[in-house]
Amino acid sequence: MMMRHAALAFVTGFMCLPISHADVYKWTDHHGRVHFGDKPVENASIETIDIKINSYQAVTIEPLTETQANNEDRTIDKKVVMYSTSWCGYCKKARRYFKANNIPYREFDIEDSPKAKKRFKSLGGNGVPLILVGKNKISGFNEKSFQQVYDKK
């Protein structure tokens, strides 16, 4: 169990970097436990994992296309929809902000729901959080940018 947490922390640690590339090696020990590392291990059958992580450097705001807006099964108003993951720091920050400011929102975890991931991709999602406010799409999160869009409604 501890090794899974260490492996998850190792892999998700790269999430804080801008678009990056790293060689990560994966192998299974004689007990059947999966390990990850940045160096290959001798006498083990290893698999090289190509990791390319996309994390937003700045928040971008753009209008939804007509097709994207029509594909969203929601009313176009002040409703807030967030596509997220459980491990994303900016998603956590957005959740806290929404709750602290009594902003109702719906959240879809793109790793837990294939349907949410499909909608996320159809919206042009490349990173999380992807937040919809009315007919606007916000890639990333900071309070000032969100409030700028939310107050326009």
N, C-alpha and C. Protein backbone atom coordinates (compact mmCIF):
# COMPACT_ATOMS: atom_id res chain seq x y z
N MET A 1 0.83 -1.18 0.00
CA MET A 1 0.00 0.00 0.00
C MET A 1 0.88 1.25 0.00
N MET A 2 1.93 1.24 0.81
CA MET A 2 2.83 2.39 0.90
C MET A 2 3.51 2.64 -0.43
N MET A 3 3.87 1.58 -1.13
CA MET A 3 4.55 1.73 -2.42
C MET A 3 3.62 2.37 -3.45
N ARG A 4 2.33 2.03 -3.40
CA ARG A 4 1.39 2.65 -4.33
C ARG A 4 1.34 4.16 -4.11
N HIS A 5 1.30 4.55 -2.84
CA HIS A 5 1.25 5.98 -2.52
C HIS A 5 2.54 6.65 -2.99
N ALA A 6 3.67 6.00 -2.79
CA ALA A 6 4.94 6.57 -3.22
C ALA A 6 4.99 6.68 -4.74
N ALA A 7 4.52 5.65 -5.43
CA ALA A 7 4.50 5.69 -6.90
C ALA A 7 3.57 6.77 -7.39
N LEU A 8 2.41 6.88 -6.77
CA LEU A 8 1.45 7.90 -7.17
C LEU A 8 2.02 9.29 -6.92
N ALA A 9 2.66 9.48 -5.78
CA ALA A 9 3.26 10.78 -5.47
C ALA A 9 4.37 11.10 -6.46
N PHE A 10 5.16 10.10 -6.82
CA PHE A 10 6.25 10.29 -7.77
C PHE A 10 5.71 10.73 -9.13
N VAL A 11 4.73 10.01 -9.64
CA VAL A 11 4.18 10.32 -10.96
C VAL A 11 3.43 11.64 -10.95
N THR A 12 2.60 11.86 -9.93
CA THR A 12 1.83 13.10 -9.91
C THR A 12 2.69 14.30 -9.53
N GLY A 13 3.86 14.08 -9.00
CA GLY A 13 4.78 15.17 -8.71
C GLY A 13 5.14 15.95 -9.95
N PHE A 14 5.12 15.29 -11.07
CA PHE A 14 5.41 15.97 -12.32
C PHE A 14 4.30 16.93 -12.73
N MET A 15 3.12 16.83 -12.10
CA MET A 15 2.00 17.68 -12.47
C MET A 15 2.27 19.16 -12.21
N CYS A 16 3.18 19.45 -11.33
CA CYS A 16 3.47 20.84 -10.99
C CYS A 16 4.36 21.51 -12.04
N LEU A 17 4.92 20.74 -12.92
CA LEU A 17 5.82 21.30 -13.92
C LEU A 17 5.05 21.75 -15.15
N PRO A 18 5.57 22.72 -15.88
CA PRO A 18 4.95 23.03 -17.16
C PRO A 18 5.11 21.83 -18.08
N ILE A 19 4.63 21.93 -19.31
CA ILE A 19 4.74 20.78 -20.20
C ILE A 19 6.14 20.23 -20.08
N SER A 20 6.23 18.99 -19.69
CA SER A 20 7.54 18.40 -19.43
C SER A 20 7.59 16.99 -19.97
N HIS A 21 8.78 16.47 -19.96
CA HIS A 21 8.99 15.12 -20.45
C HIS A 21 10.00 14.45 -19.54
N ALA A 22 9.74 13.22 -19.15
CA ALA A 22 10.66 12.50 -18.29
C ALA A 22 10.57 11.02 -18.60
N ASP A 23 11.70 10.34 -18.40
CA ASP A 23 11.70 8.89 -18.53
C ASP A 23 11.39 8.31 -17.16
N VAL A 24 10.36 7.50 -17.12
CA VAL A 24 9.98 6.81 -15.90
C VAL A 24 9.94 5.33 -16.24
N TYR A 25 10.49 4.54 -15.34
CA TYR A 25 10.54 3.11 -15.55
C TYR A 25 9.58 2.42 -14.59
N LYS A 26 8.92 1.38 -15.10
CA LYS A 26 7.95 0.62 -14.31
C LYS A 26 8.39 -0.83 -14.31
N TRP A 27 8.37 -1.46 -13.16
CA TRP A 27 8.69 -2.87 -13.07
C TRP A 27 7.89 -3.51 -11.95
N THR A 28 7.78 -4.82 -12.00
CA THR A 28 7.07 -5.59 -10.99
C THR A 28 8.08 -6.46 -10.26
N ASP A 29 8.07 -6.41 -8.93
CA ASP A 29 9.02 -7.22 -8.16
C ASP A 29 8.53 -8.65 -8.03
N HIS A 30 9.32 -9.49 -7.38
CA HIS A 30 8.97 -10.91 -7.26
C HIS A 30 7.75 -11.16 -6.37
N HIS A 31 7.27 -10.13 -5.65
CA HIS A 31 6.04 -10.25 -4.86
C HIS A 31 4.82 -9.76 -5.63
N GLY A 32 5.04 -9.34 -6.88
CA GLY A 32 3.94 -8.86 -7.70
C GLY A 32 3.61 -7.38 -7.50
N ARG A 33 4.45 -6.67 -6.75
CA ARG A 33 4.22 -5.24 -6.51
C ARG A 33 4.83 -4.42 -7.64
N VAL A 34 4.07 -3.42 -8.08
CA VAL A 34 4.52 -2.54 -9.16
C VAL A 34 5.30 -1.38 -8.57
N HIS A 35 6.43 -1.05 -9.20
CA HIS A 35 7.28 0.05 -8.76
C HIS A 35 7.53 1.00 -9.93
N PHE A 36 7.84 2.26 -9.59
CA PHE A 36 8.21 3.26 -10.57
C PHE A 36 9.51 3.90 -10.12
N GLY A 37 10.34 4.28 -11.08
CA GLY A 37 11.58 4.96 -10.74
C GLY A 37 12.13 5.70 -11.94
N ASP A 38 13.14 6.53 -11.68
CA ASP A 38 13.74 7.29 -12.77
C ASP A 38 14.97 6.62 -13.36
N LYS A 39 15.33 5.45 -12.82
CA LYS A 39 16.46 4.68 -13.35
C LYS A 39 16.01 3.23 -13.55
N PRO A 40 16.49 2.60 -14.62
CA PRO A 40 16.11 1.19 -14.81
C PRO A 40 16.74 0.31 -13.73
N VAL A 41 16.06 -0.77 -13.40
CA VAL A 41 16.53 -1.70 -12.38
C VAL A 41 17.13 -2.92 -13.07
N GLU A 42 18.28 -3.36 -12.57
CA GLU A 42 18.92 -4.56 -13.15
C GLU A 42 18.10 -5.80 -12.79
N ASN A 43 18.20 -6.79 -13.66
CA ASN A 43 17.53 -8.08 -13.45
C ASN A 43 16.02 -7.97 -13.27
N ALA A 44 15.42 -7.00 -13.94
CA ALA A 44 13.96 -6.85 -13.86
C ALA A 44 13.46 -6.55 -15.26
N SER A 45 12.27 -7.04 -15.54
CA SER A 45 11.64 -6.72 -16.80
C SER A 45 11.01 -5.35 -16.64
N ILE A 46 11.58 -4.35 -17.32
CA ILE A 46 11.10 -2.99 -17.13
C ILE A 46 10.33 -2.50 -18.35
N GLU A 47 9.49 -1.55 -18.11
CA GLU A 47 8.72 -0.89 -19.17
C GLU A 47 9.00 0.61 -19.02
N THR A 48 9.37 1.25 -20.12
CA THR A 48 9.57 2.69 -20.08
C THR A 48 8.24 3.38 -20.30
N ILE A 49 7.92 4.31 -19.41
CA ILE A 49 6.67 5.05 -19.50
C ILE A 49 7.01 6.46 -19.95
N ASP A 50 6.39 6.89 -21.03
CA ASP A 50 6.61 8.23 -21.56
C ASP A 50 5.58 9.17 -20.94
N ILE A 51 6.05 10.08 -20.10
CA ILE A 51 5.14 10.99 -19.40
C ILE A 51 5.25 12.38 -19.99
N LYS A 52 4.12 12.91 -20.41
CA LYS A 52 4.03 14.29 -20.87
C LYS A 52 2.87 14.91 -20.11
N ILE A 53 3.18 15.83 -19.26
CA ILE A 53 2.18 16.43 -18.40
C ILE A 53 1.87 17.84 -18.87
N ASN A 54 0.61 18.17 -18.90
CA ASN A 54 0.20 19.52 -19.27
C ASN A 54 -0.39 20.19 -18.05
N SER A 55 0.23 21.27 -17.65
CA SER A 55 -0.33 22.04 -16.55
C SER A 55 -0.40 23.49 -17.01
N TYR A 56 -1.46 24.16 -16.63
CA TYR A 56 -1.66 25.52 -17.10
C TYR A 56 -0.66 26.47 -16.46
N GLN A 57 -0.04 27.32 -17.28
CA GLN A 57 0.84 28.37 -16.78
C GLN A 57 0.03 29.62 -16.45
N ALA A 58 -1.05 29.83 -17.14
CA ALA A 58 -1.90 31.00 -16.92
C ALA A 58 -3.34 30.60 -17.23
N VAL A 59 -4.24 31.34 -16.66
CA VAL A 59 -5.67 31.08 -16.90
C VAL A 59 -6.05 31.69 -18.25
N THR A 60 -6.79 30.93 -19.04
CA THR A 60 -7.31 31.46 -20.29
C THR A 60 -8.83 31.41 -20.24
N ILE A 61 -9.43 32.43 -20.84
CA ILE A 61 -10.89 32.52 -20.88
C ILE A 61 -11.29 32.66 -22.33
N GLU A 62 -12.19 31.82 -22.78
CA GLU A 62 -12.67 31.91 -24.16
C GLU A 62 -14.13 31.50 -24.21
N PRO A 63 -14.85 32.00 -25.21
CA PRO A 63 -16.26 31.61 -25.33
C PRO A 63 -16.36 30.17 -25.84
N LEU A 64 -17.40 29.50 -25.39
CA LEU A 64 -17.69 28.17 -25.94
C LEU A 64 -18.13 28.35 -27.39
N THR A 65 -17.77 27.41 -28.23
CA THR A 65 -18.28 27.44 -29.60
C THR A 65 -19.76 27.08 -29.55
N GLU A 66 -20.47 27.37 -30.61
CA GLU A 66 -21.89 27.04 -30.66
C GLU A 66 -22.10 25.53 -30.45
N THR A 67 -21.26 24.72 -31.08
CA THR A 67 -21.36 23.26 -30.94
C THR A 67 -21.13 22.83 -29.50
N GLN A 68 -20.08 23.39 -28.86
CA GLN A 68 -19.78 23.04 -27.48
C GLN A 68 -20.92 23.43 -26.56
N ALA A 69 -21.44 24.62 -26.76
CA ALA A 69 -22.55 25.10 -25.92
C ALA A 69 -23.78 24.21 -26.09
N ASN A 70 -24.07 23.80 -27.32
CA ASN A 70 -25.23 22.94 -27.59
C ASN A 70 -25.04 21.54 -27.03
N ASN A 71 -23.80 21.07 -26.94
CA ASN A 71 -23.54 19.72 -26.44
C ASN A 71 -23.62 19.63 -24.92
N GLU A 72 -23.53 20.75 -24.25
CA GLU A 72 -23.61 20.74 -22.80
C GLU A 72 -25.07 20.63 -22.39
N ASP A 73 -25.40 19.63 -21.59
CA ASP A 73 -26.78 19.43 -21.15
C ASP A 73 -27.03 20.24 -19.88
N ARG A 74 -27.04 21.55 -20.04
CA ARG A 74 -27.27 22.45 -18.91
C ARG A 74 -27.86 23.75 -19.43
N THR A 75 -28.44 24.52 -18.54
CA THR A 75 -28.98 25.82 -18.92
C THR A 75 -27.82 26.80 -18.97
N ILE A 76 -27.82 27.63 -19.99
CA ILE A 76 -26.78 28.64 -20.08
C ILE A 76 -27.20 29.82 -19.21
N ASP A 77 -26.61 29.89 -18.05
CA ASP A 77 -26.86 30.99 -17.14
C ASP A 77 -25.61 31.13 -16.27
N LYS A 78 -25.78 31.43 -15.02
CA LYS A 78 -24.64 31.58 -14.12
C LYS A 78 -24.14 30.24 -13.60
N LYS A 79 -24.71 29.16 -14.08
CA LYS A 79 -24.32 27.84 -13.60
C LYS A 79 -22.84 27.60 -13.85
N VAL A 80 -22.18 27.02 -12.86
CA VAL A 80 -20.76 26.73 -12.95
C VAL A 80 -20.59 25.21 -13.02
N VAL A 81 -19.82 24.76 -14.00
CA VAL A 81 -19.50 23.35 -14.15
C VAL A 81 -17.98 23.22 -14.19
N MET A 82 -17.45 22.30 -13.40
CA MET A 82 -16.00 22.11 -13.36
C MET A 82 -15.64 20.67 -13.71
N TYR A 83 -14.75 20.51 -14.67
CA TYR A 83 -14.16 19.21 -15.00
C TYR A 83 -12.83 19.17 -14.27
N SER A 84 -12.63 18.11 -13.49
CA SER A 84 -11.50 18.10 -12.57
C SER A 84 -10.93 16.70 -12.39
N THR A 85 -9.93 16.62 -11.52
CA THR A 85 -9.42 15.34 -11.01
C THR A 85 -9.29 15.49 -9.50
N SER A 86 -9.16 14.38 -8.80
CA SER A 86 -9.07 14.43 -7.34
C SER A 86 -7.73 14.98 -6.86
N TRP A 87 -6.67 14.81 -7.63
CA TRP A 87 -5.33 15.20 -7.19
C TRP A 87 -4.93 16.62 -7.57
N CYS A 88 -5.70 17.29 -8.39
CA CYS A 88 -5.34 18.60 -8.93
C CYS A 88 -5.42 19.70 -7.86
N GLY A 89 -4.32 20.38 -7.61
CA GLY A 89 -4.27 21.46 -6.62
C GLY A 89 -5.15 22.64 -6.98
N TYR A 90 -5.19 23.00 -8.27
CA TYR A 90 -6.03 24.12 -8.69
C TYR A 90 -7.51 23.76 -8.60
N CYS A 91 -7.83 22.49 -8.82
CA CYS A 91 -9.22 22.04 -8.65
C CYS A 91 -9.63 22.18 -7.18
N LYS A 92 -8.74 21.80 -6.27
CA LYS A 92 -9.02 21.92 -4.84
C LYS A 92 -9.21 23.38 -4.46
N LYS A 93 -8.36 24.25 -5.01
CA LYS A 93 -8.47 25.68 -4.75
C LYS A 93 -9.82 26.22 -5.24
N ALA A 94 -10.23 25.78 -6.44
CA ALA A 94 -11.52 26.21 -6.99
C ALA A 94 -12.67 25.73 -6.11
N ARG A 95 -12.62 24.47 -5.66
CA ARG A 95 -13.68 23.93 -4.80
C ARG A 95 -13.81 24.78 -3.52
N ARG A 96 -12.66 25.05 -2.90
CA ARG A 96 -12.69 25.85 -1.67
C ARG A 96 -13.28 27.24 -1.93
N TYR A 97 -12.89 27.84 -3.04
CA TYR A 97 -13.39 29.18 -3.38
C TYR A 97 -14.90 29.16 -3.61
N PHE A 98 -15.38 28.17 -4.37
CA PHE A 98 -16.81 28.07 -4.64
C PHE A 98 -17.59 27.92 -3.32
N LYS A 99 -17.11 27.04 -2.46
CA LYS A 99 -17.81 26.80 -1.19
C LYS A 99 -17.77 28.03 -0.29
N ALA A 100 -16.62 28.68 -0.19
CA ALA A 100 -16.47 29.86 0.67
C ALA A 100 -17.34 31.02 0.19
N ASN A 101 -17.62 31.07 -1.10
CA ASN A 101 -18.40 32.17 -1.68
C ASN A 101 -19.82 31.76 -2.05
N ASN A 102 -20.24 30.59 -1.57
CA ASN A 102 -21.60 30.08 -1.82
C ASN A 102 -21.95 30.08 -3.31
N ILE A 103 -21.01 29.66 -4.13
CA ILE A 103 -21.23 29.57 -5.58
C ILE A 103 -21.63 28.13 -5.89
N PRO A 104 -22.87 27.91 -6.32
CA PRO A 104 -23.27 26.54 -6.66
C PRO A 104 -22.54 26.08 -7.92
N TYR A 105 -22.12 24.83 -7.91
CA TYR A 105 -21.41 24.28 -9.07
C TYR A 105 -21.62 22.79 -9.14
N ARG A 106 -21.42 22.27 -10.35
CA ARG A 106 -21.42 20.81 -10.56
C ARG A 106 -20.02 20.42 -10.94
N GLU A 107 -19.59 19.30 -10.45
CA GLU A 107 -18.22 18.85 -10.72
C GLU A 107 -18.24 17.46 -11.32
N PHE A 108 -17.37 17.27 -12.32
CA PHE A 108 -17.23 15.98 -12.98
C PHE A 108 -15.76 15.59 -12.97
N ASP A 109 -15.44 14.45 -12.34
CA ASP A 109 -14.07 13.96 -12.29
C ASP A 109 -13.80 13.19 -13.58
N ILE A 110 -12.87 13.67 -14.38
CA ILE A 110 -12.62 13.07 -15.69
C ILE A 110 -11.89 11.74 -15.60
N GLU A 111 -11.36 11.41 -14.43
CA GLU A 111 -10.71 10.11 -14.26
C GLU A 111 -11.69 9.05 -13.76
N ASP A 112 -12.77 9.48 -13.14
CA ASP A 112 -13.75 8.53 -12.60
C ASP A 112 -14.91 8.27 -13.55
N SER A 113 -15.13 9.18 -14.50
CA SER A 113 -16.30 9.05 -15.37
C SER A 113 -15.90 9.13 -16.85
N PRO A 114 -16.06 8.02 -17.58
CA PRO A 114 -15.77 8.06 -19.02
C PRO A 114 -16.63 9.09 -19.75
N LYS A 115 -17.87 9.25 -19.31
CA LYS A 115 -18.76 10.23 -19.94
C LYS A 115 -18.22 11.65 -19.71
N ALA A 116 -17.77 11.93 -18.50
CA ALA A 116 -17.20 13.25 -18.20
C ALA A 116 -15.92 13.48 -19.00
N LYS A 117 -15.11 12.46 -19.12
CA LYS A 117 -13.87 12.61 -19.89
C LYS A 117 -14.17 12.89 -21.36
N LYS A 118 -15.20 12.25 -21.89
CA LYS A 118 -15.59 12.48 -23.29
C LYS A 118 -16.07 13.92 -23.47
N ARG A 119 -16.90 14.41 -22.54
CA ARG A 119 -17.37 15.80 -22.62
C ARG A 119 -16.20 16.77 -22.48
N PHE A 120 -15.29 16.47 -21.57
CA PHE A 120 -14.09 17.29 -21.34
C PHE A 120 -13.29 17.41 -22.64
N LYS A 121 -13.07 16.29 -23.31
CA LYS A 121 -12.33 16.29 -24.58
C LYS A 121 -13.08 17.06 -25.66
N SER A 122 -14.42 16.91 -25.71
CA SER A 122 -15.20 17.62 -26.73
C SER A 122 -15.17 19.14 -26.50
N LEU A 123 -14.86 19.54 -25.29
CA LEU A 123 -14.73 20.96 -24.97
C LEU A 123 -13.32 21.48 -25.23
N GLY A 124 -12.46 20.61 -25.73
CA GLY A 124 -11.08 21.01 -26.01
C GLY A 124 -10.20 20.96 -24.78
N GLY A 125 -10.63 20.21 -23.77
CA GLY A 125 -9.87 20.13 -22.52
C GLY A 125 -8.51 19.48 -22.71
N ASN A 126 -7.47 20.15 -22.22
CA ASN A 126 -6.11 19.62 -22.25
C ASN A 126 -5.50 19.55 -20.87
N GLY A 127 -6.14 20.16 -19.91
CA GLY A 127 -5.66 20.19 -18.54
C GLY A 127 -6.81 20.52 -17.62
N VAL A 128 -6.60 20.31 -16.33
CA VAL A 128 -7.66 20.58 -15.36
C VAL A 128 -7.19 21.69 -14.43
N PRO A 129 -8.11 22.43 -13.85
CA PRO A 129 -9.54 22.36 -14.07
C PRO A 129 -9.97 23.04 -15.36
N LEU A 130 -11.06 22.58 -15.89
CA LEU A 130 -11.74 23.24 -17.01
C LEU A 130 -13.09 23.64 -16.45
N ILE A 131 -13.34 24.95 -16.41
CA ILE A 131 -14.53 25.47 -15.74
C ILE A 131 -15.41 26.18 -16.76
N LEU A 132 -16.68 25.85 -16.76
CA LEU A 132 -17.65 26.50 -17.63
C LEU A 132 -18.51 27.42 -16.79
N VAL A 133 -18.65 28.66 -17.25
CA VAL A 133 -19.54 29.64 -16.62
C VAL A 133 -20.35 30.24 -17.74
N GLY A 134 -21.64 29.92 -17.78
CA GLY A 134 -22.47 30.40 -18.88
C GLY A 134 -21.91 29.91 -20.20
N LYS A 135 -21.63 30.85 -21.10
CA LYS A 135 -21.09 30.48 -22.41
C LYS A 135 -19.59 30.65 -22.48
N ASN A 136 -18.93 30.70 -21.31
CA ASN A 136 -17.49 30.87 -21.26
C ASN A 136 -16.80 29.64 -20.71
N LYS A 137 -15.59 29.43 -21.20
CA LYS A 137 -14.76 28.30 -20.78
C LYS A 137 -13.48 28.88 -20.17
N ILE A 138 -13.18 28.46 -18.95
CA ILE A 138 -11.98 28.90 -18.26
C ILE A 138 -11.06 27.70 -18.09
N SER A 139 -9.86 27.81 -18.64
CA SER A 139 -8.86 26.76 -18.49
C SER A 139 -7.92 27.18 -17.37
N GLY A 140 -7.93 26.42 -16.28
CA GLY A 140 -7.15 26.79 -15.11
C GLY A 140 -8.04 27.51 -14.11
N PHE A 141 -7.44 27.95 -12.99
CA PHE A 141 -8.24 28.67 -12.01
C PHE A 141 -7.39 29.66 -11.25
N ASN A 142 -7.91 30.88 -11.15
CA ASN A 142 -7.51 31.83 -10.12
C ASN A 142 -8.74 32.67 -9.83
N GLU A 143 -8.82 33.18 -8.62
CA GLU A 143 -10.02 33.87 -8.16
C GLU A 143 -10.38 35.07 -9.03
N LYS A 144 -9.38 35.86 -9.37
CA LYS A 144 -9.63 37.09 -10.13
C LYS A 144 -10.23 36.78 -11.51
N SER A 145 -9.65 35.83 -12.22
CA SER A 145 -10.17 35.48 -13.55
C SER A 145 -11.57 34.88 -13.46
N PHE A 146 -11.78 34.00 -12.48
CA PHE A 146 -13.10 33.41 -12.33
C PHE A 146 -14.14 34.50 -12.05
N GLN A 147 -13.85 35.37 -11.09
CA GLN A 147 -14.80 36.41 -10.70
C GLN A 147 -15.10 37.34 -11.86
N GLN A 148 -14.09 37.60 -12.69
CA GLN A 148 -14.27 38.45 -13.87
C GLN A 148 -15.35 37.87 -14.78
N VAL A 149 -15.32 36.58 -15.00
CA VAL A 149 -16.31 35.93 -15.86
C VAL A 149 -17.65 35.79 -15.11
N TYR A 150 -17.60 35.38 -13.87
CA TYR A 150 -18.82 35.13 -13.09
C TYR A 150 -19.63 36.41 -12.88
N ASP A 151 -18.96 37.53 -12.68
CA ASP A 151 -19.65 38.80 -12.45
C ASP A 151 -20.30 39.36 -13.70
N LYS A 152 -19.84 38.93 -14.88
CA LYS A 152 -20.42 39.43 -16.13
C LYS A 152 -21.83 38.90 -16.35
N LYS A 153 -22.17 37.82 -15.73
CA LYS A 153 -23.47 37.17 -15.96
C LYS A 153 -24.58 37.94 -15.33
